[in-house]
PDB file of N, CA and C in Angstrom:
ATOM      1  N   MET A   1      85.030  59.611 100.659  1.00  0.00           N
ATOM      2  CA  MET A   1      85.035  58.436  99.841  1.00  0.00           C
ATOM      3  C   MET A   1      84.464  58.812  98.473  1.00  0.00           C
ATOM      4  N   THR A   2      85.199  58.487  97.453  1.00  0.00           N
ATOM      5  CA  THR A   2      84.774  58.822  96.101  1.00  0.00           C
ATOM      6  C   THR A   2      84.096  57.623  95.437  1.00  0.00           C
ATOM      7  N   ILE A   3      83.576  57.874  94.255  1.00  0.00           N
ATOM      8  CA  ILE A   3      82.936  56.802  93.500  1.00  0.00           C
ATOM      9  C   ILE A   3      83.961  55.743  93.102  1.00  0.00           C
ATOM     10  N   GLN A   4      85.215  56.174  92.907  1.00  0.00           N
ATOM     11  CA  GLN A   4      86.270  55.223  92.564  1.00  0.00           C
ATOM     12  C   GLN A   4      86.510  54.242  93.712  1.00  0.00           C
ATOM     13  N   ASP A   5      86.464  54.733  94.942  1.00  0.00           N
ATOM     14  CA  ASP A   5      86.612  53.849  96.093  1.00  0.00           C
ATOM     15  C   ASP A   5      85.477  52.831  96.160  1.00  0.00           C
ATOM     16  N   LEU A   6      84.260  53.269  95.875  1.00  0.00           N
ATOM     17  CA  LEU A   6      83.118  52.361  95.898  1.00  0.00           C
ATOM     18  C   LEU A   6      83.227  51.282  94.823  1.00  0.00           C
ATOM     19  N   VAL A   7      83.725  51.657  93.654  1.00  0.00           N
ATOM     20  CA  VAL A   7      83.898  50.680  92.573  1.00  0.00           C
ATOM     21  C   VAL A   7      84.965  49.657  92.947  1.00  0.00           C
ATOM     22  N   ILE A   8      86.052  50.116  93.526  1.00  0.00           N
ATOM     23  CA  ILE A   8      87.118  49.207  93.940  1.00  0.00           C
ATOM     24  C   ILE A   8      86.620  48.264  95.035  1.00  0.00           C
ATOM     25  N   ILE A   9      85.887  48.789  96.011  1.00  0.00           N
ATOM     26  CA  ILE A   9      85.347  47.955  97.088  1.00  0.00           C
ATOM     27  C   ILE A   9      84.362  46.928  96.523  1.00  0.00           C
ATOM     28  N   GLY A  10      83.527  47.349  95.590  1.00  0.00           N
ATOM     29  CA  GLY A  10      82.591  46.416  94.961  1.00  0.00           C
ATOM     30  C   GLY A  10      83.293  45.313  94.191  1.00  0.00           C
ATOM     31  N   ALA A  11      84.367  45.677  93.480  1.00  0.00           N
ATOM     32  CA  ALA A  11      85.118  44.665  92.725  1.00  0.00           C
ATOM     33  C   ALA A  11      85.855  43.712  93.657  1.00  0.00           C
ATOM     34  N   MET A  12      86.366  44.238  94.760  1.00  0.00           N
ATOM     35  CA  MET A  12      87.088  43.371  95.702  1.00  0.00           C
ATOM     36  C   MET A  12      86.144  42.501  96.515  1.00  0.00           C
ATOM     37  N   SER A  13      84.870  42.863  96.585  1.00  0.00           N
ATOM     38  CA  SER A  13      83.942  42.055  97.375  1.00  0.00           C
ATOM     39  C   SER A  13      83.566  40.751  96.677  1.00  0.00           C
ATOM     40  N   VAL A  14      83.743  40.678  95.360  1.00  0.00           N
ATOM     41  CA  VAL A  14      83.419  39.442  94.640  1.00  0.00           C
ATOM     42  C   VAL A  14      84.309  38.286  95.097  1.00  0.00           C
ATOM     43  N   PRO A  15      85.639  38.440  95.147  1.00  0.00           N
ATOM     44  CA  PRO A  15      86.448  37.324  95.668  1.00  0.00           C
ATOM     45  C   PRO A  15      86.242  37.087  97.166  1.00  0.00           C
ATOM     46  N   MET A  16      85.842  38.124  97.888  1.00  0.00           N
ATOM     47  CA  MET A  16      85.617  37.970  99.326  1.00  0.00           C
ATOM     48  C   MET A  16      84.400  37.116  99.632  1.00  0.00           C
ATOM     49  N   LEU A  17      83.520  36.931  98.651  1.00  0.00           N
ATOM     50  CA  LEU A  17      82.357  36.069  98.860  1.00  0.00           C
ATOM     51  C   LEU A  17      82.789  34.644  99.208  1.00  0.00           C
ATOM     52  N   MET A  18      83.942  34.234  98.688  1.00  0.00           N
ATOM     53  CA  MET A  18      84.447  32.896  98.971  1.00  0.00           C
ATOM     54  C   MET A  18      84.729  32.728 100.466  1.00  0.00           C
ATOM     55  N   PHE A  19      85.216  33.767 101.105  1.00  0.00           N
ATOM     56  CA  PHE A  19      85.535  33.707 102.527  1.00  0.00           C
ATOM     57  C   PHE A  19      84.336  34.045 103.417  1.00  0.00           C
ATOM     58  N   SER A  20      83.259  34.542 102.817  1.00  0.00           N
ATOM     59  CA  SER A  20      82.121  35.010 103.589  1.00  0.00           C
ATOM     60  C   SER A  20      80.982  34.000 103.684  1.00  0.00           C
ATOM     61  N   VAL A  21      81.067  32.930 102.958  1.00  0.00           N
ATOM     62  CA  VAL A  21      79.971  31.959 102.956  1.00  0.00           C
ATOM     63  C   VAL A  21      79.873  31.244 104.298  1.00  0.00           C
ATOM     64  N   PHE A  22      81.002  30.813 104.849  1.00  0.00           N
ATOM     65  CA  PHE A  22      80.970  30.073 106.112  1.00  0.00           C
ATOM     66  C   PHE A  22      80.368  30.885 107.259  1.00  0.00           C
ATOM     67  N   PRO A  23      80.767  32.155 107.474  1.00  0.00           N
ATOM     68  CA  PRO A  23      80.109  32.922 108.544  1.00  0.00           C
ATOM     69  C   PRO A  23      78.613  33.098 108.317  1.00  0.00           C
ATOM     70  N   GLY A  24      78.196  33.237 107.069  1.00  0.00           N
ATOM     71  CA  GLY A  24      76.768  33.364 106.779  1.00  0.00           C
ATOM     72  C   GLY A  24      75.999  32.102 107.136  1.00  0.00           C
ATOM     73  N   ILE A  25      76.550  30.952 106.768  1.00  0.00           N
ATOM     74  CA  ILE A  25      75.906  29.680 107.099  1.00  0.00           C
ATOM     75  C   ILE A  25      75.887  29.472 108.603  1.00  0.00           C
ATOM     76  N   TRP A  26      76.975  29.842 109.271  1.00  0.00           N
ATOM     77  CA  TRP A  26      77.065  29.672 110.722  1.00  0.00           C
ATOM     78  C   TRP A  26      75.994  30.509 111.438  1.00  0.00           C
ATOM     79  N   VAL A  27      75.817  31.758 111.015  1.00  0.00           N
ATOM     80  CA  VAL A  27      74.803  32.621 111.635  1.00  0.00           C
ATOM     81  C   VAL A  27      73.405  32.085 111.357  1.00  0.00           C
ATOM     82  N   GLY A  28      73.157  31.619 110.135  1.00  0.00           N
ATOM     83  CA  GLY A  28      71.851  31.054 109.805  1.00  0.00           C
ATOM     84  C   GLY A  28      71.528  29.813 110.628  1.00  0.00           C
ATOM     85  N   ASP A  29      72.496  28.918 110.777  1.00  0.00           N
ATOM     86  CA  ASP A  29      72.278  27.719 111.594  1.00  0.00           C
ATOM     87  C   ASP A  29      72.067  28.064 113.065  1.00  0.00           C
ATOM     88  N   TYR A  30      72.822  29.044 113.542  1.00  0.00           N
ATOM     89  CA  TYR A  30      72.680  29.464 114.935  1.00  0.00           C
ATOM     90  C   TYR A  30      71.273  30.008 115.200  1.00  0.00           C
ATOM     91  N   LEU A  31      70.792  30.875 114.309  1.00  0.00           N
ATOM     92  CA  LEU A  31      69.457  31.451 114.503  1.00  0.00           C
ATOM     93  C   LEU A  31      68.363  30.402 114.353  1.00  0.00           C
ATOM     94  N   GLU A  32      68.600  29.415 113.487  1.00  0.00           N
ATOM     95  CA  GLU A  32      67.612  28.351 113.338  1.00  0.00           C
ATOM     96  C   GLU A  32      67.515  27.508 114.612  1.00  0.00           C
ATOM     97  N   ARG A  33      68.656  27.212 115.216  1.00  0.00           N
ATOM     98  CA  ARG A  33      68.647  26.423 116.452  1.00  0.00           C
ATOM     99  C   ARG A  33      68.144  27.233 117.644  1.00  0.00           C
ATOM    100  N   LYS A  34      68.603  28.463 117.751  1.00  0.00           N
ATOM    101  CA  LYS A  34      68.309  29.273 118.932  1.00  0.00           C
ATOM    102  C   LYS A  34      66.894  29.851 118.918  1.00  0.00           C
ATOM    103  N   HIS A  35      66.447  30.316 117.768  1.00  0.00           N
ATOM    104  CA  HIS A  35      65.172  31.028 117.699  1.00  0.00           C
ATOM    105  C   HIS A  35      64.135  30.332 116.821  1.00  0.00           C
ATOM    106  N   GLN A  36      64.439  29.152 116.330  1.00  0.00           N
ATOM    107  CA  GLN A  36      63.521  28.348 115.516  1.00  0.00           C
ATOM    108  C   GLN A  36      62.926  29.157 114.353  1.00  0.00           C
ATOM    109  N   ILE A  37      63.788  29.799 113.569  1.00  0.00           N
ATOM    110  CA  ILE A  37      63.292  30.555 112.414  1.00  0.00           C
ATOM    111  C   ILE A  37      62.994  29.588 111.265  1.00  0.00           C
ATOM    112  N   GLU A  38      62.177  30.025 110.340  1.00  0.00           N
ATOM    113  CA  GLU A  38      61.797  29.204 109.196  1.00  0.00           C
ATOM    114  C   GLU A  38      62.934  29.151 108.181  1.00  0.00           C
ATOM    115  N   GLU A  39      62.838  28.200 107.260  1.00  0.00           N
ATOM    116  CA  GLU A  39      63.878  28.010 106.250  1.00  0.00           C
ATOM    117  C   GLU A  39      64.008  29.229 105.331  1.00  0.00           C
ATOM    118  N   LYS A  40      62.888  29.844 104.989  1.00  0.00           N
ATOM    119  CA  LYS A  40      62.912  31.029 104.130  1.00  0.00           C
ATOM    120  C   LYS A  40      63.681  32.166 104.811  1.00  0.00           C
ATOM    121  N   ASN A  41      63.423  32.380 106.084  1.00  0.00           N
ATOM    122  CA  ASN A  41      64.120  33.425 106.826  1.00  0.00           C
ATOM    123  C   ASN A  41      65.586  33.070 107.021  1.00  0.00           C
ATOM    124  N   LYS A  42      65.871  31.783 107.185  1.00  0.00           N
ATOM    125  CA  LYS A  42      67.257  31.347 107.345  1.00  0.00           C
ATOM    126  C   LYS A  42      68.061  31.669 106.088  1.00  0.00           C
ATOM    127  N   ARG A  43      67.488  31.408 104.925  1.00  0.00           N
ATOM    128  CA  ARG A  43      68.181  31.715 103.673  1.00  0.00           C
ATOM    129  C   ARG A  43      68.432  33.214 103.525  1.00  0.00           C
ATOM    130  N   ALA A  44      67.455  34.015 103.909  1.00  0.00           N
ATOM    131  CA  ALA A  44      67.623  35.472 103.831  1.00  0.00           C
ATOM    132  C   ALA A  44      68.744  35.938 104.764  1.00  0.00           C
ATOM    133  N   VAL A  45      68.799  35.358 105.962  1.00  0.00           N
ATOM    134  CA  VAL A  45      69.858  35.718 106.916  1.00  0.00           C
ATOM    135  C   VAL A  45      71.217  35.322 106.359  1.00  0.00           C
ATOM    136  N   ILE A  46      71.308  34.159 105.739  1.00  0.00           N
ATOM    137  CA  ILE A  46      72.576  33.704 105.177  1.00  0.00           C
ATOM    138  C   ILE A  46      73.045  34.640 104.072  1.00  0.00           C
ATOM    139  N   VAL A  47      72.146  35.038 103.183  1.00  0.00           N
ATOM    140  CA  VAL A  47      72.525  35.923 102.080  1.00  0.00           C
ATOM    141  C   VAL A  47      72.947  37.294 102.591  1.00  0.00           C
ATOM    142  N   VAL A  48      72.170  37.860 103.500  1.00  0.00           N
ATOM    143  CA  VAL A  48      72.488  39.197 104.029  1.00  0.00           C
ATOM    144  C   VAL A  48      73.808  39.173 104.799  1.00  0.00           C
ATOM    145  N   THR A  49      74.019  38.159 105.618  1.00  0.00           N
ATOM    146  CA  THR A  49      75.256  38.063 106.385  1.00  0.00           C
ATOM    147  C   THR A  49      76.453  37.877 105.471  1.00  0.00           C
ATOM    148  N   THR A  50      76.302  37.057 104.442  1.00  0.00           N
ATOM    149  CA  THR A  50      77.397  36.835 103.504  1.00  0.00           C
ATOM    150  C   THR A  50      77.757  38.121 102.774  1.00  0.00           C
ATOM    151  N   MET A  51      76.770  38.849 102.298  1.00  0.00           N
ATOM    152  CA  MET A  51      77.041  40.099 101.582  1.00  0.00           C
ATOM    153  C   MET A  51      77.654  41.147 102.507  1.00  0.00           C
ATOM    154  N   PHE A  52      77.115  41.268 103.713  1.00  0.00           N
ATOM    155  CA  PHE A  52      77.652  42.239 104.668  1.00  0.00           C
ATOM    156  C   PHE A  52      79.100  41.910 105.019  1.00  0.00           C
ATOM    157  N   PHE A  53      79.374  40.638 105.262  1.00  0.00           N
ATOM    158  CA  PHE A  53      80.734  40.216 105.623  1.00  0.00           C
ATOM    159  C   PHE A  53      81.701  40.455 104.462  1.00  0.00           C
ATOM    160  N   ALA A  54      81.264  40.190 103.228  1.00  0.00           N
ATOM    161  CA  ALA A  54      82.124  40.405 102.058  1.00  0.00           C
ATOM    162  C   ALA A  54      82.444  41.883 101.877  1.00  0.00           C
ATOM    163  N   PHE A  55      81.440  42.737 101.993  1.00  0.00           N
ATOM    164  CA  PHE A  55      81.692  44.170 101.853  1.00  0.00           C
ATOM    165  C   PHE A  55      82.534  44.709 103.003  1.00  0.00           C
ATOM    166  N   SER A  56      82.355  44.175 104.201  1.00  0.00           N
ATOM    167  CA  SER A  56      83.168  44.604 105.333  1.00  0.00           C
ATOM    168  C   SER A  56      84.624  44.218 105.138  1.00  0.00           C
ATOM    169  N   LEU A  57      84.869  42.990 104.697  1.00  0.00           N
ATOM    170  CA  LEU A  57      86.240  42.551 104.456  1.00  0.00           C
ATOM    171  C   LEU A  57      86.911  43.374 103.364  1.00  0.00           C
ATOM    172  N   SER A  58      86.208  43.630 102.273  1.00  0.00           N
ATOM    173  CA  SER A  58      86.816  44.401 101.184  1.00  0.00           C
ATOM    174  C   SER A  58      87.037  45.856 101.580  1.00  0.00           C
ATOM    175  N   THR A  59      86.162  46.412 102.404  1.00  0.00           N
ATOM    176  CA  THR A  59      86.369  47.784 102.886  1.00  0.00           C
ATOM    177  C   THR A  59      87.581  47.860 103.793  1.00  0.00           C
ATOM    178  N   LEU A  60      87.714  46.914 104.693  1.00  0.00           N
ATOM    179  CA  LEU A  60      88.895  46.888 105.559  1.00  0.00           C
ATOM    180  C   LEU A  60      90.171  46.696 104.762  1.00  0.00           C
ATOM    181  N   LEU A  61      90.136  45.846 103.761  1.00  0.00           N
ATOM    182  CA  LEU A  61      91.308  45.618 102.935  1.00  0.00           C
ATOM    183  C   LEU A  61      91.670  46.865 102.134  1.00  0.00           C
ATOM    184  N   HIS A  62      90.678  47.593 101.664  1.00  0.00           N
ATOM    185  CA  HIS A  62      90.944  48.776 100.855  1.00  0.00           C
ATOM    186  C   HIS A  62      91.506  49.936 101.676  1.00  0.00           C
ATOM    187  N   PHE A  63      90.978  50.142 102.852  1.00  0.00           N
ATOM    188  CA  PHE A  63      91.377  51.323 103.610  1.00  0.00           C
ATOM    189  C   PHE A  63      92.495  51.087 104.624  1.00  0.00           C
ATOM    190  N   PHE A  64      92.821  49.832 104.912  1.00  0.00           N
ATOM    191  CA  PHE A  64      93.911  49.600 105.857  1.00  0.00           C
ATOM    192  C   PHE A  64      94.972  48.857 105.162  1.00  0.00           C
TER     193      PHE A  64
END
């Protein structure tokens, strides 16, 4: 994987954020109900899940 691939994946992950918000919110709500996490931790889980999902989608789109 070259630096050009990383730049393309990073650029493609910006539009993928639109599709990644719902899974992030879903995981945050699930953890809040199941494990009674605090609101601060819930927000962190939502952000991390959204970013991970966006980068995963853009990587799959780029290489397949």
